[in-house]
Amino acid sequence: KVEFDKISDESRIWIYQSNNDFTESDVDIINKKSELFVNNWMAHNKELQASFIILNNRFLVIAVNEEFNPIGGCSIDYSLQLLKDISNTINKNLLDRLIVNYRTGSLIKSITLKDLKNNLKNGSISSETVIFNMTVSTKKELLNNFEIKLSSSWLSKFISK
């Protein structure tokens, strides 16, 4: 395990999101389970240089430096088992890709993709709304493009012309 701020900016990442904030208990469980996992995570019997971080009390980010050792499909599957375990333990679905987290002032709210279009129509969300970009795939992208305007994201296709 490497501290997240020390892992290479080129490290591959996976982001898992909740539709509401983690409680203190959730954070404790996520930290313990993720720490144990990252410390023992391997690919093809080789250690991985990996890390994790909880962002905005709503996102779990797992990173792997593939320059140290490449990761394989089985190793990625093990990380999904971790996420299923965490999700079941804290009773929050961290694998739901059909929600969008966005900023409204200093708050983070979530909406389903299905409801996004209606909220665009009624004006509660606009092309200027800052969303959390779940498509970033490296730590560098996370640092530079995690919070972007809706109009700059793949979700812009939902914006009526």
Protein backbone atom coordinates (compact mmCIF):
# COMPACT_ATOMS: atom_id res chain seq x y z
CA LYS A 1 0.00 0.00 0.00
CA VAL A 2 1.11 3.50 -0.84
CA GLU A 3 -0.40 6.71 0.47
CA PHE A 4 -2.76 8.12 -2.15
CA ASP A 5 -0.88 11.40 -2.46
CA LYS A 6 2.33 9.43 -3.14
CA ILE A 7 1.04 7.02 -5.80
CA SER A 8 1.90 7.90 -9.41
CA ASP A 9 -0.40 10.37 -11.19
CA GLU A 10 -0.53 7.84 -14.04
CA SER A 11 -2.03 5.20 -11.73
CA ARG A 12 -5.25 3.62 -12.93
CA ILE A 13 -8.27 4.38 -10.76
CA TRP A 14 -11.77 3.16 -10.15
CA ILE A 15 -14.33 5.39 -8.48
CA TYR A 16 -17.30 4.06 -6.55
CA GLN A 17 -20.05 6.40 -5.43
CA SER A 18 -22.85 6.53 -2.92
CA ASN A 19 -26.11 8.39 -3.40
CA ASN A 20 -25.72 9.88 0.08
CA ASP A 21 -22.91 10.79 2.47
CA PHE A 22 -21.03 8.14 4.38
CA THR A 23 -21.58 8.07 8.13
CA GLU A 24 -18.62 7.94 10.53
CA SER A 25 -19.30 4.23 10.91
CA ASP A 26 -19.35 3.78 7.12
CA VAL A 27 -16.00 5.55 6.79
CA ASP A 28 -14.50 3.37 9.53
CA ILE A 29 -15.71 0.18 7.81
CA ILE A 30 -14.60 1.36 4.35
CA ASN A 31 -11.15 2.28 5.68
CA LYS A 32 -10.66 -1.04 7.50
CA LYS A 33 -11.85 -3.25 4.64
CA SER A 34 -10.04 -1.23 1.96
CA GLU A 35 -6.80 -1.15 3.95
CA LEU A 36 -6.84 -4.93 4.40
CA PHE A 37 -7.67 -5.44 0.73
CA VAL A 38 -5.06 -3.04 -0.69
CA ASN A 39 -2.34 -4.47 1.59
CA ASN A 40 -2.97 -7.96 0.21
CA TRP A 41 -4.00 -7.23 -3.39
CA MET A 42 -1.97 -9.12 -5.97
CA ALA A 43 -1.98 -9.80 -9.69
CA HIS A 44 -0.49 -13.02 -11.05
CA ASN A 45 1.17 -13.63 -7.66
CA LYS A 46 2.92 -10.26 -7.77
CA GLU A 47 2.32 -7.45 -5.32
CA LEU A 48 0.46 -4.42 -6.57
CA GLN A 49 1.32 -0.87 -5.66
CA ALA A 50 -2.14 0.32 -4.69
CA SER A 51 -3.95 2.89 -2.64
CA PHE A 52 -7.40 4.20 -1.84
CA ILE A 53 -9.01 7.40 -0.66
CA ILE A 54 -12.46 8.53 0.38
CA LEU A 55 -13.40 11.82 -1.30
CA ASN A 56 -16.14 14.24 -0.30
CA ASN A 57 -17.49 11.67 2.16
CA ARG A 58 -19.26 10.04 -0.80
CA PHE A 59 -16.70 8.46 -3.14
CA LEU A 60 -14.27 5.58 -2.70
CA VAL A 61 -11.34 5.74 -5.11
CA ILE A 62 -9.02 2.77 -5.58
CA ALA A 63 -5.74 3.28 -7.44
CA VAL A 64 -3.14 0.91 -8.87
CA ASN A 65 0.24 1.89 -10.27
CA GLU A 66 0.44 -0.37 -13.33
CA GLU A 67 4.03 0.74 -13.98
CA PHE A 68 4.97 -1.15 -10.79
CA ASN A 69 3.07 -4.33 -11.78
CA PRO A 70 0.25 -4.62 -14.31
CA ILE A 71 -3.20 -5.60 -13.06
CA GLY A 72 -5.27 -8.37 -14.59
CA GLY A 73 -8.97 -9.13 -14.94
CA CYS A 74 -9.02 -11.50 -11.96
CA SER A 75 -7.48 -8.84 -9.74
CA ILE A 76 -10.11 -6.33 -10.85
CA ASP A 77 -12.79 -8.92 -10.06
CA TYR A 78 -11.37 -9.20 -6.52
CA SER A 79 -11.80 -5.45 -6.09
CA LEU A 80 -15.45 -5.77 -7.14
CA GLN A 81 -15.88 -8.43 -4.45
CA LEU A 82 -14.50 -5.88 -1.97
CA LEU A 83 -17.05 -3.30 -3.14
CA LYS A 84 -19.92 -5.77 -2.86
CA ASP A 85 -18.76 -6.63 0.66
CA ILE A 86 -18.52 -2.95 1.66
CA SER A 87 -21.88 -2.17 0.05
CA ASN A 88 -23.58 -5.00 1.95
CA THR A 89 -21.90 -4.09 5.24
CA ILE A 90 -22.75 -0.38 5.17
CA ASN A 91 -26.08 -0.92 3.37
CA LYS A 92 -25.24 1.50 0.52
CA ASN A 93 -24.92 0.50 -3.13
CA LEU A 94 -21.48 1.67 -4.23
CA LEU A 95 -21.81 -0.08 -7.58
CA ASP A 96 -24.81 1.86 -8.92
CA ARG A 97 -23.68 3.52 -12.16
CA LEU A 98 -27.15 4.97 -12.79
CA ILE A 99 -26.79 7.83 -10.32
CA VAL A 100 -25.16 11.19 -10.88
CA ASN A 101 -23.66 13.12 -7.98
CA TYR A 102 -23.61 16.89 -8.42
CA ARG A 103 -22.88 20.06 -6.48
CA THR A 104 -25.50 22.54 -5.43
CA GLY A 105 -23.70 25.21 -3.45
CA SER A 106 -21.55 23.43 -0.89
CA LEU A 107 -23.80 20.35 -0.86
CA ILE A 108 -23.46 17.21 -2.91
CA LYS A 109 -26.72 15.69 -4.10
CA SER A 110 -27.50 12.73 -6.27
CA ILE A 111 -30.03 12.04 -8.98
CA THR A 112 -30.80 9.05 -11.15
CA LEU A 113 -30.01 9.25 -14.84
CA LYS A 114 -33.72 8.73 -15.42
CA ASP A 115 -34.59 11.86 -13.41
CA LEU A 116 -31.76 13.95 -14.85
CA LYS A 117 -33.64 14.87 -18.01
CA ASN A 118 -36.74 16.01 -16.08
CA ASN A 119 -34.62 18.16 -13.77
CA LEU A 120 -32.93 19.73 -16.77
CA LYS A 121 -36.36 20.62 -18.15
CA ASN A 122 -37.61 22.16 -14.89
CA GLY A 123 -34.37 24.09 -14.38
CA SER A 124 -33.22 22.61 -11.06
CA ILE A 125 -30.15 21.30 -12.93
CA SER A 126 -28.51 23.12 -15.84
CA SER A 127 -25.64 22.68 -18.27
CA GLU A 128 -23.57 24.72 -15.76
CA THR A 129 -24.24 22.33 -12.85
CA VAL A 130 -21.00 20.77 -11.57
CA ILE A 131 -21.12 16.99 -11.65
CA PHE A 132 -18.65 14.37 -10.51
CA ASN A 133 -17.08 12.77 -13.55
CA MET A 134 -17.12 9.03 -12.99
CA THR A 135 -15.35 8.37 -16.30
CA VAL A 136 -11.90 9.51 -15.16
CA SER A 137 -9.47 6.60 -15.28
CA THR A 138 -6.18 7.90 -13.87
CA LYS A 139 -5.20 9.75 -10.73
CA LYS A 140 -4.11 12.71 -12.89
CA GLU A 141 -7.59 12.88 -14.48
CA LEU A 142 -9.13 12.62 -11.03
CA LEU A 143 -7.08 15.58 -9.82
CA ASN A 144 -7.93 17.70 -12.88
CA ASN A 145 -11.30 16.56 -14.22
CA PHE A 146 -13.32 14.97 -11.42
CA GLU A 147 -15.57 17.99 -10.97
CA ILE A 148 -16.77 19.29 -14.33
CA LYS A 149 -19.74 21.14 -15.75
CA LEU A 150 -22.56 18.92 -16.97
CA SER A 151 -22.12 20.44 -20.45
CA SER A 152 -18.51 19.11 -20.55
CA SER A 153 -19.47 15.55 -19.62
CA TRP A 154 -20.86 12.59 -21.51
CA LEU A 155 -24.17 13.50 -19.85
CA SER A 156 -24.39 16.58 -22.09
CA LYS A 157 -26.37 14.43 -24.53
CA PHE A 158 -29.29 14.76 -22.08
CA ILE A 159 -29.28 18.54 -22.42
CA SER A 160 -32.11 19.69 -24.69
CA LYS A 161 -31.04 21.81 -27.61
